[in-house]
Full PDB file with SEQRES, HELIX, SHEET, SSBOND, CRYST1, ORIGX, SCALE, CONECT and MASTER records, all heavy atoms in Angstrom:
SEQRES   1 A   39  TRP ALA TRP PRO GLY CYS HIS ALA VAL GLY ASP VAL GLU          
SEQRES   2 A   39  VAL LEU PRO LEU PRO ASP GLY LEU THR PRO ILE GLN PRO          
SEQRES   3 A   39  ILE PRO SER LYS ASN PRO GLU MET ALA GLY PHE ILE LYS          
HELIX    1 AA1 ASP A   19  LEU A   21  5                                   3    
HELIX    2 AA2 PRO A   32  ILE A   38  1                                   7    
CRYST1    1.000    1.000    1.000  90.00  90.00  90.00 P 1           1          
ORIGX1      1.000000  0.000000  0.000000        0.00000                         
ORIGX2      0.000000  1.000000  0.000000        0.00000                         
ORIGX3      0.000000  0.000000  1.000000        0.00000                         
SCALE1      1.000000  0.000000  0.000000        0.00000                         
SCALE2      0.000000  1.000000  0.000000        0.00000                         
SCALE3      0.000000  0.000000  1.000000        0.00000                         
ATOM      1  N   TRP A   1       0.826  -1.218   0.005  1.00  0.00           N  
ATOM      2  CA  TRP A   1       0.004   0.004  -0.001  1.00  0.00           C  
ATOM      3  C   TRP A   1       0.840   1.257  -0.005  1.00  0.00           C  
ATOM      4  O   TRP A   1       0.378   2.308  -0.432  1.00  0.00           O  
ATOM      5  CB  TRP A   1      -0.880   0.007   1.255  1.00  0.00           C  
ATOM      6  CG  TRP A   1      -0.111  -0.066   2.534  1.00  0.00           C  
ATOM      7  CD1 TRP A   1       0.243  -1.190   3.221  1.00  0.00           C  
ATOM      8  CD2 TRP A   1       0.430   1.015   3.293  1.00  0.00           C  
ATOM      9  NE1 TRP A   1       0.972  -0.881   4.346  1.00  0.00           N  
ATOM     10  CE2 TRP A   1       1.101   0.470   4.425  1.00  0.00           C  
ATOM     11  CE3 TRP A   1       0.435   2.393   3.137  1.00  0.00           C  
ATOM     12  CZ2 TRP A   1       1.751   1.270   5.361  1.00  0.00           C  
ATOM     13  CZ3 TRP A   1       1.076   3.186   4.082  1.00  0.00           C  
ATOM     14  CH2 TRP A   1       1.719   2.621   5.174  1.00  0.00           C  
ATOM     15  N   ALA A   2       2.069   1.187   0.473  1.00  0.00           N  
ATOM     16  CA  ALA A   2       2.874   2.414   0.641  1.00  0.00           C  
ATOM     17  C   ALA A   2       3.531   2.883  -0.653  1.00  0.00           C  
ATOM     18  O   ALA A   2       3.982   4.021  -0.721  1.00  0.00           O  
ATOM     19  CB  ALA A   2       3.963   2.167   1.683  1.00  0.00           C  
ATOM     20  N   TRP A   3       3.555   2.023  -1.664  1.00  0.00           N  
ATOM     21  CA  TRP A   3       4.203   2.439  -2.937  1.00  0.00           C  
ATOM     22  C   TRP A   3       3.244   3.347  -3.697  1.00  0.00           C  
ATOM     23  O   TRP A   3       2.153   2.932  -4.068  1.00  0.00           O  
ATOM     24  CB  TRP A   3       4.555   1.219  -3.761  1.00  0.00           C  
ATOM     25  CG  TRP A   3       5.249   1.541  -5.046  1.00  0.00           C  
ATOM     26  CD1 TRP A   3       4.738   1.445  -6.302  1.00  0.00           C  
ATOM     27  CD2 TRP A   3       6.585   2.044  -5.205  1.00  0.00           C  
ATOM     28  NE1 TRP A   3       5.674   1.844  -7.231  1.00  0.00           N  
ATOM     29  CE2 TRP A   3       6.804   2.218  -6.571  1.00  0.00           C  
ATOM     30  CE3 TRP A   3       7.606   2.354  -4.290  1.00  0.00           C  
ATOM     31  CZ2 TRP A   3       8.025   2.701  -7.067  1.00  0.00           C  
ATOM     32  CZ3 TRP A   3       8.823   2.834  -4.794  1.00  0.00           C  
ATOM     33  CH2 TRP A   3       9.013   2.995  -6.166  1.00  0.00           C  
ATOM     34  N   PRO A   4       3.636   4.599  -3.992  1.00  0.00           N  
ATOM     35  CA  PRO A   4       2.721   5.563  -4.620  1.00  0.00           C  
ATOM     36  C   PRO A   4       2.598   5.418  -6.124  1.00  0.00           C  
ATOM     37  O   PRO A   4       1.800   6.111  -6.757  1.00  0.00           O  
ATOM     38  CB  PRO A   4       3.296   6.921  -4.222  1.00  0.00           C  
ATOM     39  CG  PRO A   4       4.783   6.655  -4.102  1.00  0.00           C  
ATOM     40  CD  PRO A   4       4.914   5.247  -3.572  1.00  0.00           C  
ATOM     41  N   GLY A   5       3.422   4.557  -6.728  1.00  0.00           N  
ATOM     42  CA  GLY A   5       3.406   4.409  -8.176  1.00  0.00           C  
ATOM     43  C   GLY A   5       4.418   5.294  -8.860  1.00  0.00           C  
ATOM     44  O   GLY A   5       4.927   6.278  -8.301  1.00  0.00           O  
ATOM     45  N   CYS A   6       4.768   4.922 -10.077  1.00  0.00           N  
ATOM     46  CA  CYS A   6       5.739   5.653 -10.869  1.00  0.00           C  
ATOM     47  C   CYS A   6       4.977   6.259 -12.066  1.00  0.00           C  
ATOM     48  O   CYS A   6       4.441   5.551 -12.902  1.00  0.00           O  
ATOM     49  CB  CYS A   6       6.834   4.700 -11.358  1.00  0.00           C  
ATOM     50  SG  CYS A   6       8.079   5.481 -12.403  1.00  0.00           S  
ATOM     51  N   HIS A   7       4.929   7.598 -12.121  1.00  0.00           N  
ATOM     52  CA  HIS A   7       4.086   8.279 -13.089  1.00  0.00           C  
ATOM     53  C   HIS A   7       4.897   9.142 -14.038  1.00  0.00           C  
ATOM     54  O   HIS A   7       5.851   9.792 -13.627  1.00  0.00           O  
ATOM     55  CB  HIS A   7       3.060   9.153 -12.358  1.00  0.00           C  
ATOM     56  CG  HIS A   7       2.215   8.384 -11.388  1.00  0.00           C  
ATOM     57  ND1 HIS A   7       1.205   7.545 -11.754  1.00  0.00           N  
ATOM     58  CD2 HIS A   7       2.292   8.310 -10.020  1.00  0.00           C  
ATOM     59  CE1 HIS A   7       0.652   6.988 -10.699  1.00  0.00           C  
ATOM     60  NE2 HIS A   7       1.300   7.427  -9.620  1.00  0.00           N  
ATOM     61  N   ALA A   8       4.505   9.134 -15.295  1.00  0.00           N  
ATOM     62  CA  ALA A   8       5.179   9.967 -16.293  1.00  0.00           C  
ATOM     63  C   ALA A   8       4.898  11.431 -15.996  1.00  0.00           C  
ATOM     64  O   ALA A   8       3.816  11.826 -15.590  1.00  0.00           O  
ATOM     65  CB  ALA A   8       4.664   9.620 -17.683  1.00  0.00           C  
ATOM     66  N   VAL A   9       5.938  12.260 -16.165  1.00  0.00           N  
ATOM     67  CA  VAL A   9       5.815  13.704 -15.952  1.00  0.00           C  
ATOM     68  C   VAL A   9       5.366  14.350 -17.263  1.00  0.00           C  
ATOM     69  O   VAL A   9       5.933  14.088 -18.322  1.00  0.00           O  
ATOM     70  CB  VAL A   9       7.156  14.313 -15.504  1.00  0.00           C  
ATOM     71  CG1 VAL A   9       7.059  15.827 -15.404  1.00  0.00           C  
ATOM     72  CG2 VAL A   9       7.580  13.705 -14.158  1.00  0.00           C  
ATOM     73  N   GLY A  10       4.339  15.155 -17.220  1.00  0.00           N  
ATOM     74  CA  GLY A  10       3.824  15.795 -18.434  1.00  0.00           C  
ATOM     75  C   GLY A  10       3.526  17.268 -18.179  1.00  0.00           C  
ATOM     76  O   GLY A  10       3.748  17.808 -17.066  1.00  0.00           O  
ATOM     77  N   ASP A  11       3.024  17.907 -19.185  1.00  0.00           N  
ATOM     78  CA  ASP A  11       2.637  19.327 -19.087  1.00  0.00           C  
ATOM     79  C   ASP A  11       1.329  19.443 -18.322  1.00  0.00           C  
ATOM     80  O   ASP A  11       0.508  18.503 -18.258  1.00  0.00           O  
ATOM     81  CB  ASP A  11       2.473  19.944 -20.473  1.00  0.00           C  
ATOM     82  CG  ASP A  11       3.787  19.998 -21.238  1.00  0.00           C  
ATOM     83  OD1 ASP A  11       4.839  20.117 -20.566  1.00  0.00           O  
ATOM     84  OD2 ASP A  11       3.754  19.922 -22.482  1.00  0.00           O  
ATOM     85  N   VAL A  12       1.100  20.620 -17.750  1.00  0.00           N  
ATOM     86  CA  VAL A  12      -0.177  20.891 -17.078  1.00  0.00           C  
ATOM     87  C   VAL A  12      -1.220  21.171 -18.134  1.00  0.00           C  
ATOM     88  O   VAL A  12      -1.045  22.060 -18.973  1.00  0.00           O  
ATOM     89  CB  VAL A  12      -0.037  22.102 -16.123  1.00  0.00           C  
ATOM     90  CG1 VAL A  12      -1.382  22.471 -15.519  1.00  0.00           C  
ATOM     91  CG2 VAL A  12       0.994  21.828 -15.043  1.00  0.00           C  
ATOM     92  N   GLU A  13      -2.298  20.402 -18.101  1.00  0.00           N  
ATOM     93  CA  GLU A  13      -3.370  20.613 -19.064  1.00  0.00           C  
ATOM     94  C   GLU A  13      -4.320  21.675 -18.538  1.00  0.00           C  
ATOM     95  O   GLU A  13      -4.770  21.595 -17.402  1.00  0.00           O  
ATOM     96  CB  GLU A  13      -4.138  19.290 -19.301  1.00  0.00           C  
ATOM     97  CG  GLU A  13      -5.190  19.401 -20.382  1.00  0.00           C  
ATOM     98  CD  GLU A  13      -5.845  18.071 -20.679  1.00  0.00           C  
ATOM     99  OE1 GLU A  13      -5.441  17.063 -20.062  1.00  0.00           O  
ATOM    100  OE2 GLU A  13      -6.759  18.047 -21.519  1.00  0.00           O  
ATOM    101  N   VAL A  14      -4.601  22.664 -19.371  1.00  0.00           N  
ATOM    102  CA  VAL A  14      -5.466  23.769 -18.970  1.00  0.00           C  
ATOM    103  C   VAL A  14      -6.645  23.845 -19.931  1.00  0.00           C  
ATOM    104  O   VAL A  14      -6.451  23.933 -21.151  1.00  0.00           O  
ATOM    105  CB  VAL A  14      -4.701  25.105 -18.972  1.00  0.00           C  
ATOM    106  CG1 VAL A  14      -5.626  26.253 -18.541  1.00  0.00           C  
ATOM    107  CG2 VAL A  14      -3.483  25.040 -18.040  1.00  0.00           C  
ATOM    108  N   LEU A  15      -7.847  23.810 -19.376  1.00  0.00           N  
ATOM    109  CA  LEU A  15      -9.047  23.897 -20.182  1.00  0.00           C  
ATOM    110  C   LEU A  15      -9.694  25.278 -20.002  1.00  0.00           C  
ATOM    111  O   LEU A  15      -9.581  25.889 -18.935  1.00  0.00           O  
ATOM    112  CB  LEU A  15     -10.068  22.826 -19.758  1.00  0.00           C  
ATOM    113  CG  LEU A  15      -9.556  21.368 -19.869  1.00  0.00           C  
ATOM    114  CD1 LEU A  15     -10.659  20.419 -19.352  1.00  0.00           C  
ATOM    115  CD2 LEU A  15      -9.231  21.041 -21.306  1.00  0.00           C  
ATOM    116  N   PRO A  16     -10.379  25.788 -21.016  1.00  0.00           N  
ATOM    117  CA  PRO A  16     -11.009  27.114 -20.863  1.00  0.00           C  
ATOM    118  C   PRO A  16     -12.141  27.061 -19.856  1.00  0.00           C  
ATOM    119  O   PRO A  16     -12.764  26.034 -19.645  1.00  0.00           O  
ATOM    120  CB  PRO A  16     -11.530  27.405 -22.279  1.00  0.00           C  
ATOM    121  CG  PRO A  16     -11.686  26.058 -22.909  1.00  0.00           C  
ATOM    122  CD  PRO A  16     -10.598  25.209 -22.346  1.00  0.00           C  
ATOM    123  N   LEU A  17     -12.396  28.216 -19.239  1.00  0.00           N  
ATOM    124  CA  LEU A  17     -13.521  28.331 -18.329  1.00  0.00           C  
ATOM    125  C   LEU A  17     -14.841  28.153 -19.090  1.00  0.00           C  
ATOM    126  O   LEU A  17     -14.925  28.508 -20.273  1.00  0.00           O  
ATOM    127  CB  LEU A  17     -13.545  29.707 -17.661  1.00  0.00           C  
ATOM    128  CG  LEU A  17     -12.498  29.968 -16.583  1.00  0.00           C  
ATOM    129  CD1 LEU A  17     -12.542  31.434 -16.179  1.00  0.00           C  
ATOM    130  CD2 LEU A  17     -12.738  29.083 -15.359  1.00  0.00           C  
ATOM    131  N   PRO A  18     -15.859  27.560 -18.452  1.00  0.00           N  
ATOM    132  CA  PRO A  18     -17.173  27.520 -19.101  1.00  0.00           C  
ATOM    133  C   PRO A  18     -17.652  28.927 -19.422  1.00  0.00           C  
ATOM    134  O   PRO A  18     -17.304  29.897 -18.749  1.00  0.00           O  
ATOM    135  CB  PRO A  18     -18.069  26.870 -18.038  1.00  0.00           C  
ATOM    136  CG  PRO A  18     -17.120  26.113 -17.167  1.00  0.00           C  
ATOM    137  CD  PRO A  18     -15.836  26.914 -17.157  1.00  0.00           C  
ATOM    138  N   ASP A  19     -18.480  29.059 -20.463  1.00  0.00           N  
ATOM    139  CA  ASP A  19     -18.951  30.370 -20.912  1.00  0.00           C  
ATOM    140  C   ASP A  19     -19.599  31.167 -19.802  1.00  0.00           C  
ATOM    141  O   ASP A  19     -19.421  32.385 -19.694  1.00  0.00           O  
ATOM    142  CB  ASP A  19     -19.941  30.210 -22.067  1.00  0.00           C  
ATOM    143  CG  ASP A  19     -19.252  29.725 -23.333  1.00  0.00           C  
ATOM    144  OD1 ASP A  19     -18.016  29.840 -23.416  1.00  0.00           O  
ATOM    145  OD2 ASP A  19     -19.954  29.190 -24.238  1.00  0.00           O  
ATOM    146  N   GLY A  20     -20.333  30.517 -18.934  1.00  0.00           N  
ATOM    147  CA  GLY A  20     -21.023  31.228 -17.874  1.00  0.00           C  
ATOM    148  C   GLY A  20     -20.107  31.868 -16.861  1.00  0.00           C  
ATOM    149  O   GLY A  20     -20.528  32.734 -16.089  1.00  0.00           O  
ATOM    150  N   LEU A  21     -18.855  31.420 -16.812  1.00  0.00           N  
ATOM    151  CA  LEU A  21     -17.921  31.965 -15.838  1.00  0.00           C  
ATOM    152  C   LEU A  21     -16.941  32.947 -16.457  1.00  0.00           C  
ATOM    153  O   LEU A  21     -16.102  33.512 -15.769  1.00  0.00           O  
ATOM    154  CB  LEU A  21     -17.121  30.847 -15.172  1.00  0.00           C  
ATOM    155  CG  LEU A  21     -17.876  30.040 -14.136  1.00  0.00           C  
ATOM    156  CD1 LEU A  21     -16.989  28.934 -13.584  1.00  0.00           C  
ATOM    157  CD2 LEU A  21     -18.365  30.892 -13.000  1.00  0.00           C  
ATOM    158  N   THR A  22     -17.029  33.133 -17.769  1.00  0.00           N  
ATOM    159  CA  THR A  22     -16.145  34.123 -18.418  1.00  0.00           C  
ATOM    160  C   THR A  22     -16.686  35.505 -18.137  1.00  0.00           C  
ATOM    161  O   THR A  22     -17.796  35.862 -18.587  1.00  0.00           O  
ATOM    162  CB  THR A  22     -16.061  33.883 -19.926  1.00  0.00           C  
ATOM    163  OG1 THR A  22     -15.643  32.545 -20.164  1.00  0.00           O  
ATOM    164  CG2 THR A  22     -15.117  34.872 -20.578  1.00  0.00           C  
ATOM    165  N   PRO A  23     -16.002  36.313 -17.326  1.00  0.00           N  
ATOM    166  CA  PRO A  23     -16.578  37.581 -16.884  1.00  0.00           C  
ATOM    167  C   PRO A  23     -16.652  38.624 -18.007  1.00  0.00           C  
ATOM    168  O   PRO A  23     -15.839  38.644 -18.910  1.00  0.00           O  
ATOM    169  CB  PRO A  23     -15.616  38.037 -15.783  1.00  0.00           C  
ATOM    170  CG  PRO A  23     -14.305  37.411 -16.175  1.00  0.00           C  
ATOM    171  CD  PRO A  23     -14.634  36.096 -16.803  1.00  0.00           C  
ATOM    172  N   ILE A  24     -17.674  39.461 -17.902  1.00  0.00           N  
ATOM    173  CA  ILE A  24     -17.747  40.638 -18.784  1.00  0.00           C  
ATOM    174  C   ILE A  24     -16.877  41.709 -18.170  1.00  0.00           C  
ATOM    175  O   ILE A  24     -17.127  42.174 -17.055  1.00  0.00           O  
ATOM    176  CB  ILE A  24     -19.210  41.120 -18.892  1.00  0.00           C  
ATOM    177  CG1 ILE A  24     -20.072  40.006 -19.495  1.00  0.00           C  
ATOM    178  CG2 ILE A  24     -19.276  42.388 -19.754  1.00  0.00           C  
ATOM    179  CD1 ILE A  24     -21.578  40.342 -19.514  1.00  0.00           C  
ATOM    180  N   GLN A  25     -15.839  42.089 -18.872  1.00  0.00           N  
ATOM    181  CA  GLN A  25     -14.895  43.029 -18.299  1.00  0.00           C  
ATOM    182  C   GLN A  25     -15.463  44.445 -18.303  1.00  0.00           C  
ATOM    183  O   GLN A  25     -16.018  44.911 -19.305  1.00  0.00           O  
ATOM    184  CB  GLN A  25     -13.579  42.990 -19.095  1.00  0.00           C  
ATOM    185  CG  GLN A  25     -12.849  41.669 -19.042  1.00  0.00           C  
ATOM    186  CD  GLN A  25     -12.410  41.292 -17.654  1.00  0.00           C  
ATOM    187  OE1 GLN A  25     -12.138  42.179 -16.822  1.00  0.00           O  
ATOM    188  NE2 GLN A  25     -12.372  39.997 -17.353  1.00  0.00           N  
ATOM    189  N   PRO A  26     -15.348  45.160 -17.166  1.00  0.00           N  
ATOM    190  CA  PRO A  26     -15.815  46.544 -17.146  1.00  0.00           C  
ATOM    191  C   PRO A  26     -14.916  47.442 -18.015  1.00  0.00           C  
ATOM    192  O   PRO A  26     -13.779  47.100 -18.297  1.00  0.00           O  
ATOM    193  CB  PRO A  26     -15.695  46.917 -15.667  1.00  0.00           C  
ATOM    194  CG  PRO A  26     -14.626  46.001 -15.125  1.00  0.00           C  
ATOM    195  CD  PRO A  26     -14.754  44.724 -15.898  1.00  0.00           C  
ATOM    196  N   ILE A  27     -15.470  48.565 -18.423  1.00  0.00           N  
ATOM    197  CA  ILE A  27     -14.686  49.511 -19.225  1.00  0.00           C  
ATOM    198  C   ILE A  27     -13.866  50.374 -18.263  1.00  0.00           C  
ATOM    199  O   ILE A  27     -14.443  51.086 -17.440  1.00  0.00           O  
ATOM    200  CB  ILE A  27     -15.622  50.394 -20.059  1.00  0.00           C  
ATOM    201  CG1 ILE A  27     -16.441  49.526 -21.033  1.00  0.00           C  
ATOM    202  CG2 ILE A  27     -14.802  51.432 -20.855  1.00  0.00           C  
ATOM    203  CD1 ILE A  27     -17.488  50.297 -21.803  1.00  0.00           C  
ATOM    204  N   PRO A  28     -12.552  50.335 -18.332  1.00  0.00           N  
ATOM    205  CA  PRO A  28     -11.736  51.100 -17.414  1.00  0.00           C  
ATOM    206  C   PRO A  28     -11.952  52.614 -17.575  1.00  0.00           C  
ATOM    207  O   PRO A  28     -12.230  53.092 -18.677  1.00  0.00           O  
ATOM    208  CB  PRO A  28     -10.299  50.721 -17.771  1.00  0.00           C  
ATOM    209  CG  PRO A  28     -10.424  49.467 -18.581  1.00  0.00           C  
ATOM    210  CD  PRO A  28     -11.744  49.561 -19.261  1.00  0.00           C  
ATOM    211  N   SER A  29     -11.837  53.335 -16.483  1.00  0.00           N  
ATOM    212  CA  SER A  29     -11.869  54.779 -16.535  1.00  0.00           C  
ATOM    213  C   SER A  29     -10.969  55.308 -15.438  1.00  0.00           C  
ATOM    214  O   SER A  29     -10.704  54.623 -14.435  1.00  0.00           O  
ATOM    215  CB  SER A  29     -13.279  55.332 -16.373  1.00  0.00           C  
ATOM    216  OG  SER A  29     -13.874  54.888 -15.145  1.00  0.00           O  
ATOM    217  N   LYS A  30     -10.452  56.522 -15.583  1.00  0.00           N  
ATOM    218  CA  LYS A  30      -9.474  57.059 -14.649  1.00  0.00           C  
ATOM    219  C   LYS A  30     -10.126  58.009 -13.654  1.00  0.00           C  
ATOM    220  O   LYS A  30     -11.020  58.784 -13.991  1.00  0.00           O  
ATOM    221  CB  LYS A  30      -8.365  57.782 -15.429  1.00  0.00           C  
ATOM    222  CG  LYS A  30      -7.522  56.867 -16.280  1.00  0.00           C  
ATOM    223  CD  LYS A  30      -6.362  57.599 -16.934  1.00  0.00           C  
ATOM    224  CE  LYS A  30      -5.518  56.678 -17.798  1.00  0.00           C  
ATOM    225  NZ  LYS A  30      -4.929  55.578 -17.016  1.00  0.00           N  
ATOM    226  N   ASN A  31      -9.631  57.938 -12.446  1.00  0.00           N  
ATOM    227  CA  ASN A  31      -9.990  58.856 -11.371  1.00  0.00           C  
ATOM    228  C   ASN A  31      -8.869  58.784 -10.353  1.00  0.00           C  
ATOM    229  O   ASN A  31      -8.874  57.922  -9.488  1.00  0.00           O  
ATOM    230  CB  ASN A  31     -11.332  58.479 -10.755  1.00  0.00           C  
ATOM    231  CG  ASN A  31     -11.769  59.474  -9.657  1.00  0.00           C  
ATOM    232  OD1 ASN A  31     -10.945  60.078  -9.003  1.00  0.00           O  
ATOM    233  ND2 ASN A  31     -13.079  59.605  -9.507  1.00  0.00           N  
ATOM    234  N   PRO A  32      -7.846  59.611 -10.475  1.00  0.00           N  
ATOM    235  CA  PRO A  32      -6.664  59.509  -9.622  1.00  0.00           C  
ATOM    236  C   PRO A  32      -6.992  59.521  -8.130  1.00  0.00           C  
ATOM    237  O   PRO A  32      -6.374  58.811  -7.339  1.00  0.00           O  
ATOM    238  CB  PRO A  32      -5.830  60.740 -10.008  1.00  0.00           C  
ATOM    239  CG  PRO A  32      -6.257  61.047 -11.412  1.00  0.00           C  
ATOM    240  CD  PRO A  32      -7.712  60.690 -11.470  1.00  0.00           C  
ATOM    241  N   GLU A  33      -7.979  60.344  -7.752  1.00  0.00           N  
ATOM    242  CA  GLU A  33      -8.331  60.417  -6.322  1.00  0.00           C  
ATOM    243  C   GLU A  33      -8.906  59.090  -5.837  1.00  0.00           C  
ATOM    244  O   GLU A  33      -8.525  58.576  -4.750  1.00  0.00           O  
ATOM    245  CB  GLU A  33      -9.356  61.522  -6.078  1.00  0.00           C  
ATOM    246  CG  GLU A  33      -9.700  61.715  -4.621  1.00  0.00           C  
ATOM    247  CD  GLU A  33     -10.680  62.852  -4.389  1.00  0.00           C  
ATOM    248  OE1 GLU A  33     -11.013  63.545  -5.379  1.00  0.00           O  
ATOM    249  OE2 GLU A  33     -11.108  63.055  -3.232  1.00  0.00           O  
ATOM    250  N   MET A  34      -9.808  58.464  -6.610  1.00  0.00           N  
ATOM    251  CA  MET A  34     -10.384  57.192  -6.229  1.00  0.00           C  
ATOM    252  C   MET A  34      -9.317  56.093  -6.246  1.00  0.00           C  
ATOM    253  O   MET A  34      -9.282  55.222  -5.371  1.00  0.00           O  
ATOM    254  CB  MET A  34     -11.530  56.833  -7.164  1.00  0.00           C  
ATOM    255  CG  MET A  34     -12.196  55.485  -6.851  1.00  0.00           C  
ATOM    256  SD  MET A  34     -12.948  55.447  -5.212  1.00  0.00           S  
ATOM    257  CE  MET A  34     -14.396  56.508  -5.506  1.00  0.00           C  
ATOM    258  N   ALA A  35      -8.432  56.132  -7.250  1.00  0.00           N  
ATOM    259  CA  ALA A  35      -7.369  55.148  -7.327  1.00  0.00           C  
ATOM    260  C   ALA A  35      -6.482  55.206  -6.102  1.00  0.00           C  
ATOM    261  O   ALA A  35      -6.110  54.173  -5.503  1.00  0.00           O  
ATOM    262  CB  ALA A  35      -6.543  55.352  -8.595  1.00  0.00           C  
ATOM    263  N   GLY A  36      -6.139  56.446  -5.690  1.00  0.00           N  
ATOM    264  CA  GLY A  36      -5.288  56.601  -4.493  1.00  0.00           C  
ATOM    265  C   GLY A  36      -5.989  56.092  -3.243  1.00  0.00           C  
ATOM    266  O   GLY A  36      -5.377  55.469  -2.380  1.00  0.00           O  
ATOM    267  N   PHE A  37      -7.316  56.345  -3.151  1.00  0.00           N  
ATOM    268  CA  PHE A  37      -8.079  55.894  -1.983  1.00  0.00           C  
ATOM    269  C   PHE A  37      -8.101  54.375  -1.899  1.00  0.00           C  
ATOM    270  O   PHE A  37      -7.866  53.787  -0.835  1.00  0.00           O  
ATOM    271  CB  PHE A  37      -9.502  56.452  -2.098  1.00  0.00           C  
ATOM    272  CG  PHE A  37     -10.429  55.951  -1.025  1.00  0.00           C  
ATOM    273  CD1 PHE A  37     -10.301  56.384   0.287  1.00  0.00           C  
ATOM    274  CD2 PHE A  37     -11.411  55.030  -1.325  1.00  0.00           C  
ATOM    275  CE1 PHE A  37     -11.159  55.900   1.276  1.00  0.00           C  
ATOM    276  CE2 PHE A  37     -12.259  54.539  -0.365  1.00  0.00           C  
ATOM    277  CZ  PHE A  37     -12.127  54.994   0.966  1.00  0.00           C  
ATOM    278  N   ILE A  38      -8.363  53.713  -3.027  1.00  0.00           N  
ATOM    279  CA  ILE A  38      -8.405  52.244  -3.023  1.00  0.00           C  
ATOM    280  C   ILE A  38      -7.044  51.664  -2.689  1.00  0.00           C  
ATOM    281  O   ILE A  38      -6.918  50.702  -1.923  1.00  0.00           O  
ATOM    282  CB  ILE A  38      -8.897  51.735  -4.387  1.00  0.00           C  
ATOM    283  CG1 ILE A  38     -10.368  52.115  -4.595  1.00  0.00           C  
ATOM    284  CG2 ILE A  38      -8.720  50.219  -4.505  1.00  0.00           C  
ATOM    285  CD1 ILE A  38     -10.916  51.763  -5.987  1.00  0.00           C  
ATOM    286  N   LYS A  39      -5.984  52.229  -3.250  1.00  0.00           N  
ATOM    287  CA  LYS A  39      -4.655  51.757  -2.973  1.00  0.00           C  
ATOM    288  C   LYS A  39      -4.301  51.829  -1.492  1.00  0.00           C  
ATOM    289  O   LYS A  39      -3.727  50.911  -0.906  1.00  0.00           O  
ATOM    290  CB  LYS A  39      -3.624  52.531  -3.791  1.00  0.00           C  
ATOM    291  CG  LYS A  39      -3.639  52.211  -5.272  1.00  0.00           C  
ATOM    292  CD  LYS A  39      -2.627  53.072  -6.024  1.00  0.00           C  
ATOM    293  CE  LYS A  39      -2.627  52.785  -7.519  1.00  0.00           C  
ATOM    294  NZ  LYS A  39      -1.679  53.639  -8.268  1.00  0.00           N  
TER     295      LYS A  39                                                      
MASTER        0    0    0    2    0    0    0    6  294    1    0    3          
END                                                                             
């Protein structure tokens, strides 16, 4: 039971997020005072 097995090393497989989780990106806008406050 203690032997964990010998496994081939491969690349990390990455799949795209489902459509429902792909966020709608907001339109950036500038406000130095607000940016400073958040920071």
